[in-house]
Amino acid sequence: MSIAYNVYCDESCHLENDKQPVMVLAAVWCPTAKAHEIAVRLREIKQKHRLSATFEMKWSKVSPAKLNFYLDVVDYFFDTNDLHFRGLIAEKIGLRHADYDQDHDSWYYKMYFLTLQNIFKPQSAYRIYLDLKDTRAGIKLRKLEDVLCNNMYDFDRQVLQRVQAVHSHEVEQVQLADMLAGVVSYANRNLESSPAKKALVERVRERSGYTLLKTTLLREEKFNIFHWQPEPKAQ
């Protein structure tokens, strides 16, 4: 019998003109049967730290006052066998969209394709949830769904069953993806301005065993990273 998985996605520094050197796309996935249990546990961790169960966990909200909460969330992720992460680090310096007959949005979804394609196994089923960003999301998501399905010859949608935009404040695992995307992005931008965020990066490095800067083995299933670089311009 095939196993169904929910895949929750978010990103950091994805805008074209934000003057950031890298974009990070993040996917957190778990068995669909465990999704509710995991969401409840994440809300319990919030309440343990005297936060509302509806508090939206975000990288931008990491602060000294909330550091212990976020450290607990990181430990929960690494201690829970049903939770997995894949992050794509895409370097934006040197992008040449015109050379590839694309705009930034098209490139962004190509990067999402690279982020997600290695998660899928043909004997399983997947439902993807992305943070709702704008009113045009529906058209873009259908394109991403088509590309992913065509790549797997999954024309009857047996493997990829759904690609759906959701509101991050309503989905705990999307919030977790946001936080882990922020961790990887912070590490790859060599930032140190926030002691709390730096401490969170160090905890993830300690628990994962990775620098967060380099591509991991493709078969790494707990904390998988792919570092993408644009091809250099031919001389």
Foldseek 3Di string as FASTA:
>chain_A
DAFEKEKAKDKDPLDLPPPAFKIKIKIKMFTPVCQVVVLVVLLVLCVVLVHHSLDQQAQVPQAPSCLVSLLVVLVVLLVDPRMAMEMEIEGNPPDDQVVVVHDSLVVSLVVVLVRPLLVFDPRHAYAYEYADDDPCVVVSQVVSVVVSCVVVVVVVRPHYVYYYYDHSSVGRVNSVRNNVNSLLSCLQRVDDPGVSSVVSNVSNCVSVVDSSHDADPSPDTHYGYHYDYDDHDDD
